[in-house]
Amino acid sequence: MRIVVQRVLEAEVCVVEEGGERLVGSTGRGFLLLIGVKTDDTSVDVQYLAEKVANLRVFEDSDGKLNLSLLEVGGNALVVSNFTLYGDCRKGRRPGFTNAASGEHAEMLYKAFGESLQQLGVPVQYGSFGNEMRVRLTNDGPVTLLLDSRKEF
């Protein structure tokens, strides 16, 4: 499982529909999380990353140092599915997506990740799995991190 973590002041996600867009999720201070699920990911990957995200110390303390976690600052998370995180661009010009999990498996783990964050005390809102979306955000910092449950980077 892979996650792009973006520290945000605010973020929102809309579903693209005929005739416009419909807001489906938003957050204030916290994280925008783009989630990619790999074909062989399990609940072990979900739990590892939920714990990691909730406890990442990337918010400033009173001395301006990155010492506080999402939990400690009372931040929220906006969780958005993004299968392209498993796009393989090493050959040719078109990414290959053979490592990205199928819809049913990916959706199950995507939802499980959000539920795990909520169980840890993080308020969570979601994008709309499998739909075309528009994501708007105001980066804070910017602070952007890449996480991988297999520690491939």
N, C-alpha and C. Protein backbone atom coordinates (compact mmCIF):
# COMPACT_ATOMS: atom_id res chain seq x y z
N MET A 1 0.86 -1.17 0.00
CA MET A 1 0.00 0.00 0.00
C MET A 1 0.90 1.22 0.00
N ARG A 2 0.50 2.20 -0.79
CA ARG A 2 1.25 3.45 -0.87
C ARG A 2 0.35 4.62 -0.55
N ILE A 3 0.96 5.61 0.10
CA ILE A 3 0.22 6.81 0.45
C ILE A 3 1.07 8.04 0.16
N VAL A 4 0.48 9.02 -0.49
CA VAL A 4 1.06 10.34 -0.58
C VAL A 4 0.38 11.15 0.52
N VAL A 5 1.18 11.62 1.46
CA VAL A 5 0.69 12.41 2.59
C VAL A 5 0.99 13.88 2.30
N GLN A 6 -0.05 14.69 2.27
CA GLN A 6 0.14 16.12 2.10
C GLN A 6 -0.46 16.83 3.30
N ARG A 7 0.39 17.59 3.99
CA ARG A 7 -0.12 18.40 5.10
C ARG A 7 -0.85 19.58 4.49
N VAL A 8 -2.08 19.78 4.93
CA VAL A 8 -2.92 20.82 4.32
C VAL A 8 -3.55 21.72 5.37
N LEU A 9 -3.86 22.94 4.93
CA LEU A 9 -4.69 23.84 5.72
C LEU A 9 -6.15 23.54 5.45
N GLU A 10 -6.42 23.12 4.20
CA GLU A 10 -7.76 22.71 3.80
C GLU A 10 -7.66 21.91 2.52
N ALA A 11 -8.63 21.03 2.31
CA ALA A 11 -8.69 20.24 1.08
C ALA A 11 -10.13 19.80 0.87
N GLU A 12 -10.47 19.59 -0.40
CA GLU A 12 -11.80 19.08 -0.74
C GLU A 12 -11.70 18.22 -1.97
N VAL A 13 -12.66 17.30 -2.08
CA VAL A 13 -12.72 16.43 -3.24
C VAL A 13 -14.16 16.44 -3.75
N CYS A 14 -14.27 16.59 -5.07
CA CYS A 14 -15.56 16.60 -5.74
C CYS A 14 -15.60 15.47 -6.77
N VAL A 15 -16.78 14.90 -6.97
CA VAL A 15 -16.99 13.90 -8.01
C VAL A 15 -17.43 14.65 -9.26
N VAL A 16 -16.85 14.26 -10.39
CA VAL A 16 -17.23 14.84 -11.67
C VAL A 16 -18.50 14.14 -12.14
N GLU A 17 -19.54 14.93 -12.35
CA GLU A 17 -20.82 14.41 -12.81
C GLU A 17 -21.26 15.18 -14.05
N GLU A 18 -22.22 14.62 -14.72
CA GLU A 18 -22.78 15.31 -15.87
C GLU A 18 -23.32 16.65 -15.40
N GLY A 19 -22.84 17.71 -16.01
CA GLY A 19 -23.31 19.04 -15.63
C GLY A 19 -22.54 19.70 -14.52
N GLY A 20 -21.45 19.08 -14.04
CA GLY A 20 -20.66 19.75 -13.01
C GLY A 20 -19.99 18.84 -12.03
N GLU A 21 -19.79 19.35 -10.83
CA GLU A 21 -19.10 18.63 -9.77
C GLU A 21 -19.97 18.61 -8.52
N ARG A 22 -19.77 17.55 -7.71
CA ARG A 22 -20.49 17.42 -6.44
C ARG A 22 -19.47 17.18 -5.34
N LEU A 23 -19.47 18.03 -4.32
CA LEU A 23 -18.57 17.89 -3.18
C LEU A 23 -18.91 16.61 -2.41
N VAL A 24 -17.88 15.77 -2.17
CA VAL A 24 -18.11 14.54 -1.41
C VAL A 24 -17.30 14.48 -0.12
N GLY A 25 -16.25 15.27 0.01
CA GLY A 25 -15.45 15.24 1.22
C GLY A 25 -14.59 16.48 1.35
N SER A 26 -14.31 16.87 2.57
CA SER A 26 -13.45 18.03 2.79
C SER A 26 -12.81 17.93 4.17
N THR A 27 -11.76 18.70 4.36
CA THR A 27 -11.09 18.75 5.65
C THR A 27 -10.49 20.13 5.84
N GLY A 28 -10.29 20.47 7.08
CA GLY A 28 -9.53 21.65 7.44
C GLY A 28 -8.09 21.21 7.68
N ARG A 29 -7.47 21.74 8.70
CA ARG A 29 -6.07 21.42 9.01
C ARG A 29 -5.91 19.92 9.21
N GLY A 30 -4.94 19.37 8.52
CA GLY A 30 -4.67 17.94 8.65
C GLY A 30 -3.95 17.39 7.45
N PHE A 31 -4.41 16.24 6.97
CA PHE A 31 -3.77 15.54 5.86
C PHE A 31 -4.75 15.28 4.72
N LEU A 32 -4.25 15.47 3.51
CA LEU A 32 -4.87 14.88 2.33
C LEU A 32 -4.05 13.63 2.06
N LEU A 33 -4.73 12.49 1.98
CA LEU A 33 -4.05 11.20 1.81
C LEU A 33 -4.50 10.56 0.51
N LEU A 34 -3.57 10.41 -0.43
CA LEU A 34 -3.84 9.70 -1.68
C LEU A 34 -3.39 8.27 -1.47
N ILE A 35 -4.32 7.31 -1.62
CA ILE A 35 -4.09 5.92 -1.25
C ILE A 35 -4.06 5.03 -2.49
N GLY A 36 -2.97 4.27 -2.64
CA GLY A 36 -2.88 3.25 -3.68
C GLY A 36 -2.76 1.88 -3.04
N VAL A 37 -3.52 0.92 -3.56
CA VAL A 37 -3.52 -0.43 -3.01
C VAL A 37 -2.89 -1.38 -4.02
N LYS A 38 -1.96 -2.21 -3.54
CA LYS A 38 -1.27 -3.20 -4.38
C LYS A 38 -2.04 -4.52 -4.37
N THR A 39 -1.83 -5.31 -5.39
CA THR A 39 -2.58 -6.56 -5.57
C THR A 39 -2.52 -7.48 -4.36
N ASP A 40 -1.38 -7.54 -3.68
CA ASP A 40 -1.25 -8.47 -2.56
C ASP A 40 -1.28 -7.80 -1.19
N ASP A 41 -1.77 -6.58 -1.10
CA ASP A 41 -1.90 -5.91 0.19
C ASP A 41 -2.95 -6.60 1.05
N THR A 42 -2.75 -6.49 2.38
CA THR A 42 -3.67 -7.11 3.34
C THR A 42 -3.95 -6.13 4.48
N SER A 43 -4.69 -6.60 5.45
CA SER A 43 -5.00 -5.78 6.63
C SER A 43 -3.73 -5.41 7.40
N VAL A 44 -2.68 -6.18 7.26
CA VAL A 44 -1.40 -5.86 7.92
C VAL A 44 -0.86 -4.54 7.36
N ASP A 45 -0.93 -4.38 6.03
CA ASP A 45 -0.48 -3.14 5.39
C ASP A 45 -1.33 -1.96 5.85
N VAL A 46 -2.63 -2.17 5.92
CA VAL A 46 -3.57 -1.14 6.35
C VAL A 46 -3.23 -0.67 7.76
N GLN A 47 -3.08 -1.58 8.68
CA GLN A 47 -2.84 -1.22 10.08
C GLN A 47 -1.50 -0.52 10.24
N TYR A 48 -0.48 -1.02 9.56
CA TYR A 48 0.84 -0.39 9.64
C TYR A 48 0.77 1.08 9.21
N LEU A 49 0.13 1.32 8.08
CA LEU A 49 0.09 2.69 7.55
C LEU A 49 -0.86 3.59 8.34
N ALA A 50 -1.94 3.06 8.84
CA ALA A 50 -2.84 3.88 9.66
C ALA A 50 -2.10 4.38 10.91
N GLU A 51 -1.38 3.49 11.57
CA GLU A 51 -0.59 3.88 12.75
C GLU A 51 0.48 4.91 12.37
N LYS A 52 1.14 4.66 11.25
CA LYS A 52 2.20 5.56 10.79
C LYS A 52 1.64 6.96 10.52
N VAL A 53 0.54 7.04 9.78
CA VAL A 53 -0.05 8.33 9.41
C VAL A 53 -0.53 9.08 10.66
N ALA A 54 -1.25 8.42 11.54
CA ALA A 54 -1.79 9.08 12.72
C ALA A 54 -0.70 9.64 13.63
N ASN A 55 0.46 9.02 13.60
CA ASN A 55 1.53 9.40 14.52
C ASN A 55 2.72 10.10 13.88
N LEU A 56 2.64 10.40 12.58
CA LEU A 56 3.73 11.14 11.93
C LEU A 56 3.90 12.50 12.59
N ARG A 57 5.11 12.81 12.99
CA ARG A 57 5.38 14.08 13.66
C ARG A 57 5.81 15.11 12.62
N VAL A 58 4.82 15.74 12.00
CA VAL A 58 5.10 16.70 10.92
C VAL A 58 4.38 18.04 11.11
N PHE A 59 3.88 18.27 12.33
CA PHE A 59 3.27 19.55 12.66
C PHE A 59 4.16 20.27 13.66
N GLU A 60 4.24 21.60 13.55
CA GLU A 60 5.14 22.37 14.39
C GLU A 60 4.67 22.44 15.83
N ASP A 61 5.65 22.36 16.74
CA ASP A 61 5.38 22.62 18.15
C ASP A 61 5.58 24.11 18.41
N SER A 62 5.56 24.52 19.66
CA SER A 62 5.70 25.94 19.99
C SER A 62 7.07 26.50 19.64
N ASP A 63 8.05 25.64 19.41
CA ASP A 63 9.38 26.09 19.00
C ASP A 63 9.57 26.05 17.49
N GLY A 64 8.53 25.71 16.76
CA GLY A 64 8.63 25.66 15.30
C GLY A 64 9.25 24.39 14.76
N LYS A 65 9.41 23.38 15.60
CA LYS A 65 9.99 22.11 15.17
C LYS A 65 8.88 21.12 14.84
N LEU A 66 9.15 20.24 13.87
CA LEU A 66 8.18 19.23 13.48
C LEU A 66 8.16 18.11 14.52
N ASN A 67 7.40 18.32 15.58
CA ASN A 67 7.37 17.38 16.71
C ASN A 67 5.98 16.86 17.05
N LEU A 68 4.94 17.36 16.38
CA LEU A 68 3.58 16.98 16.75
C LEU A 68 2.92 16.15 15.66
N SER A 69 2.09 15.23 16.10
CA SER A 69 1.39 14.34 15.17
C SER A 69 -0.01 14.88 14.85
N LEU A 70 -0.63 14.26 13.89
CA LEU A 70 -2.01 14.57 13.52
C LEU A 70 -2.92 14.44 14.74
N LEU A 71 -2.72 13.39 15.52
CA LEU A 71 -3.52 13.18 16.73
C LEU A 71 -3.30 14.31 17.74
N GLU A 72 -2.05 14.73 17.89
CA GLU A 72 -1.74 15.74 18.90
C GLU A 72 -2.27 17.12 18.55
N VAL A 73 -2.42 17.42 17.25
CA VAL A 73 -2.93 18.73 16.85
C VAL A 73 -4.44 18.71 16.60
N GLY A 74 -5.06 17.54 16.75
CA GLY A 74 -6.49 17.43 16.51
C GLY A 74 -6.86 17.60 15.05
N GLY A 75 -5.97 17.15 14.16
CA GLY A 75 -6.20 17.30 12.72
C GLY A 75 -7.12 16.24 12.16
N ASN A 76 -7.55 16.47 10.94
CA ASN A 76 -8.45 15.56 10.21
C ASN A 76 -7.73 14.97 9.02
N ALA A 77 -8.36 13.98 8.40
CA ALA A 77 -7.81 13.36 7.20
C ALA A 77 -8.88 13.27 6.11
N LEU A 78 -8.48 13.60 4.91
CA LEU A 78 -9.30 13.39 3.72
C LEU A 78 -8.62 12.29 2.93
N VAL A 79 -9.30 11.13 2.81
CA VAL A 79 -8.73 9.93 2.21
C VAL A 79 -9.30 9.77 0.80
N VAL A 80 -8.39 9.72 -0.19
CA VAL A 80 -8.80 9.66 -1.59
C VAL A 80 -8.08 8.50 -2.27
N SER A 81 -8.84 7.65 -2.93
CA SER A 81 -8.23 6.51 -3.64
C SER A 81 -7.48 7.01 -4.88
N ASN A 82 -6.36 6.34 -5.18
CA ASN A 82 -5.54 6.75 -6.31
C ASN A 82 -4.72 5.56 -6.81
N PHE A 83 -5.32 4.76 -7.71
CA PHE A 83 -4.65 3.55 -8.19
C PHE A 83 -3.38 3.87 -8.96
N THR A 84 -3.26 5.10 -9.49
CA THR A 84 -2.08 5.44 -10.29
C THR A 84 -0.79 5.49 -9.47
N LEU A 85 -0.89 5.40 -8.14
CA LEU A 85 0.32 5.33 -7.33
C LEU A 85 1.11 4.06 -7.61
N TYR A 86 0.45 3.07 -8.21
CA TYR A 86 1.15 1.85 -8.61
C TYR A 86 1.40 1.80 -10.11
N GLY A 87 1.38 2.96 -10.76
CA GLY A 87 1.74 3.02 -12.17
C GLY A 87 3.23 2.79 -12.34
N ASP A 88 3.58 1.90 -13.24
CA ASP A 88 4.99 1.58 -13.52
C ASP A 88 5.38 2.28 -14.82
N CYS A 89 6.27 3.24 -14.71
CA CYS A 89 6.68 4.06 -15.86
C CYS A 89 8.09 3.74 -16.35
N ARG A 90 8.61 2.60 -15.96
CA ARG A 90 10.00 2.28 -16.31
C ARG A 90 10.18 1.94 -17.78
N LYS A 91 9.15 1.44 -18.44
CA LYS A 91 9.26 1.07 -19.85
C LYS A 91 8.22 1.86 -20.66
N GLY A 92 8.63 2.27 -21.82
CA GLY A 92 7.69 2.94 -22.72
C GLY A 92 7.20 4.27 -22.20
N ARG A 93 6.09 4.70 -22.75
CA ARG A 93 5.55 6.02 -22.41
C ARG A 93 4.20 5.96 -21.71
N ARG A 94 3.63 4.80 -21.66
CA ARG A 94 2.34 4.63 -20.98
C ARG A 94 2.57 3.81 -19.72
N PRO A 95 2.08 4.30 -18.57
CA PRO A 95 2.26 3.54 -17.33
C PRO A 95 1.52 2.21 -17.39
N GLY A 96 2.11 1.21 -16.77
CA GLY A 96 1.45 -0.08 -16.60
C GLY A 96 0.90 -0.16 -15.18
N PHE A 97 -0.27 -0.76 -15.03
CA PHE A 97 -0.92 -0.80 -13.73
C PHE A 97 -1.15 -2.22 -13.21
N THR A 98 -0.28 -3.13 -13.61
CA THR A 98 -0.48 -4.53 -13.20
C THR A 98 -0.32 -4.73 -11.69
N ASN A 99 0.39 -3.85 -11.00
CA ASN A 99 0.55 -3.99 -9.55
C ASN A 99 -0.58 -3.37 -8.75
N ALA A 100 -1.44 -2.60 -9.41
CA ALA A 100 -2.57 -1.97 -8.71
C ALA A 100 -3.66 -3.02 -8.47
N ALA A 101 -4.21 -3.02 -7.28
CA ALA A 101 -5.24 -3.99 -6.91
C ALA A 101 -6.51 -3.77 -7.72
N SER A 102 -7.27 -4.84 -7.90
CA SER A 102 -8.57 -4.76 -8.58
C SER A 102 -9.53 -3.92 -7.75
N GLY A 103 -10.58 -3.46 -8.36
CA GLY A 103 -11.54 -2.58 -7.71
C GLY A 103 -12.06 -3.07 -6.38
N GLU A 104 -12.57 -4.30 -6.32
CA GLU A 104 -13.19 -4.81 -5.10
C GLU A 104 -12.18 -4.92 -3.95
N HIS A 105 -11.01 -5.48 -4.23
CA HIS A 105 -9.97 -5.62 -3.21
C HIS A 105 -9.47 -4.25 -2.76
N ALA A 106 -9.22 -3.38 -3.73
CA ALA A 106 -8.71 -2.05 -3.41
C ALA A 106 -9.71 -1.26 -2.58
N GLU A 107 -10.99 -1.31 -2.95
CA GLU A 107 -12.00 -0.56 -2.21
C GLU A 107 -12.12 -1.07 -0.77
N MET A 108 -12.06 -2.36 -0.59
CA MET A 108 -12.15 -2.93 0.76
C MET A 108 -11.02 -2.41 1.64
N LEU A 109 -9.78 -2.42 1.13
CA LEU A 109 -8.64 -1.97 1.94
C LEU A 109 -8.61 -0.46 2.10
N TYR A 110 -9.06 0.26 1.09
CA TYR A 110 -9.17 1.73 1.16
C TYR A 110 -10.11 2.11 2.31
N LYS A 111 -11.27 1.46 2.36
CA LYS A 111 -12.23 1.74 3.43
C LYS A 111 -11.68 1.29 4.79
N ALA A 112 -11.02 0.15 4.80
CA ALA A 112 -10.44 -0.36 6.05
C ALA A 112 -9.38 0.60 6.59
N PHE A 113 -8.62 1.22 5.68
CA PHE A 113 -7.62 2.20 6.11
C PHE A 113 -8.29 3.38 6.80
N GLY A 114 -9.32 3.93 6.18
CA GLY A 114 -10.04 5.05 6.78
C GLY A 114 -10.64 4.69 8.13
N GLU A 115 -11.21 3.49 8.22
CA GLU A 115 -11.80 3.03 9.48
C GLU A 115 -10.73 2.86 10.56
N SER A 116 -9.56 2.38 10.15
CA SER A 116 -8.46 2.23 11.11
C SER A 116 -8.01 3.59 11.64
N LEU A 117 -7.94 4.58 10.77
CA LEU A 117 -7.59 5.94 11.21
C LEU A 117 -8.63 6.45 12.20
N GLN A 118 -9.90 6.23 11.89
CA GLN A 118 -10.96 6.67 12.79
C GLN A 118 -10.86 6.00 14.15
N GLN A 119 -10.55 4.71 14.17
CA GLN A 119 -10.40 3.98 15.43
C GLN A 119 -9.24 4.52 16.26
N LEU A 120 -8.26 5.10 15.58
CA LEU A 120 -7.13 5.69 16.28
C LEU A 120 -7.44 7.10 16.78
N GLY A 121 -8.59 7.65 16.38
CA GLY A 121 -9.00 8.96 16.86
C GLY A 121 -8.91 10.08 15.84
N VAL A 122 -8.67 9.76 14.58
CA VAL A 122 -8.57 10.77 13.53
C VAL A 122 -9.92 10.89 12.82
N PRO A 123 -10.53 12.07 12.80
CA PRO A 123 -11.75 12.25 12.00
C PRO A 123 -11.40 12.11 10.51
N VAL A 124 -12.21 11.34 9.78
CA VAL A 124 -11.92 11.00 8.39
C VAL A 124 -13.11 11.35 7.49
N GLN A 125 -12.78 11.92 6.34
CA GLN A 125 -13.74 12.06 5.24
C GLN A 125 -13.11 11.38 4.04
N TYR A 126 -13.94 11.06 3.04
CA TYR A 126 -13.49 10.25 1.91
C TYR A 126 -13.78 10.92 0.58
N GLY A 127 -13.00 10.50 -0.41
CA GLY A 127 -13.35 10.76 -1.79
C GLY A 127 -14.40 9.74 -2.20
N SER A 128 -14.58 9.56 -3.49
CA SER A 128 -15.56 8.61 -4.00
C SER A 128 -14.83 7.55 -4.81
N PHE A 129 -14.68 6.37 -4.24
CA PHE A 129 -13.87 5.31 -4.83
C PHE A 129 -14.33 5.01 -6.26
N GLY A 130 -13.37 4.94 -7.17
CA GLY A 130 -13.62 4.51 -8.54
C GLY A 130 -14.23 5.56 -9.44
N ASN A 131 -14.44 6.75 -8.94
CA ASN A 131 -15.02 7.81 -9.75
C ASN A 131 -13.98 8.85 -10.14
N GLU A 132 -14.26 9.58 -11.20
CA GLU A 132 -13.40 10.69 -11.57
C GLU A 132 -13.64 11.81 -10.57
N MET A 133 -12.54 12.33 -10.01
CA MET A 133 -12.64 13.34 -8.96
C MET A 133 -11.76 14.54 -9.27
N ARG A 134 -12.09 15.62 -8.63
CA ARG A 134 -11.28 16.83 -8.63
C ARG A 134 -10.88 17.08 -7.18
N VAL A 135 -9.59 17.25 -6.94
CA VAL A 135 -9.09 17.48 -5.59
C VAL A 135 -8.49 18.88 -5.55
N ARG A 136 -8.93 19.65 -4.58
CA ARG A 136 -8.39 20.99 -4.37
C ARG A 136 -7.80 21.04 -2.97
N LEU A 137 -6.64 21.69 -2.85
CA LEU A 137 -6.01 21.74 -1.54
C LEU A 137 -5.16 22.98 -1.39
N THR A 138 -4.96 23.35 -0.15
CA THR A 138 -4.00 24.39 0.19
C THR A 138 -2.93 23.69 1.01
N ASN A 139 -1.77 23.49 0.36
CA ASN A 139 -0.66 22.83 1.05
C ASN A 139 -0.20 23.68 2.21
N ASP A 140 0.27 23.03 3.24
CA ASP A 140 0.81 23.70 4.41
C ASP A 140 2.28 23.35 4.51
N GLY A 141 3.12 24.29 4.18
CA GLY A 141 4.57 24.07 4.25
C GLY A 141 5.28 24.40 2.94
N PRO A 142 5.14 23.64 1.90
CA PRO A 142 4.43 22.36 1.81
C PRO A 142 5.21 21.22 2.47
N VAL A 143 4.44 20.34 3.07
CA VAL A 143 4.99 19.10 3.62
C VAL A 143 4.31 17.97 2.85
N THR A 144 5.10 17.21 2.09
CA THR A 144 4.59 16.08 1.32
C THR A 144 5.52 14.90 1.55
N LEU A 145 4.94 13.77 1.95
CA LEU A 145 5.72 12.57 2.24
C LEU A 145 5.15 11.38 1.48
N LEU A 146 6.02 10.44 1.18
CA LEU A 146 5.62 9.20 0.53
C LEU A 146 5.80 8.05 1.50
N LEU A 147 4.75 7.26 1.67
CA LEU A 147 4.81 6.09 2.55
C LEU A 147 4.53 4.84 1.74
N ASP A 148 5.18 3.76 2.09
CA ASP A 148 4.96 2.47 1.44
C ASP A 148 5.00 1.40 2.52
N SER A 149 3.96 0.59 2.59
CA SER A 149 3.90 -0.42 3.64
C SER A 149 4.98 -1.48 3.51
N ARG A 150 5.53 -1.65 2.30
CA ARG A 150 6.62 -2.61 2.09
C ARG A 150 7.98 -1.96 2.22
N LYS A 151 7.97 -0.69 2.54
CA LYS A 151 9.21 0.10 2.74
C LYS A 151 10.09 0.03 1.50
N GLU A 152 9.47 0.15 0.32
CA GLU A 152 10.22 0.11 -0.93
C GLU A 152 10.91 1.42 -1.24
N PHE A 153 10.58 2.44 -0.49
CA PHE A 153 11.30 3.72 -0.62
C PHE A 153 11.21 4.47 0.68
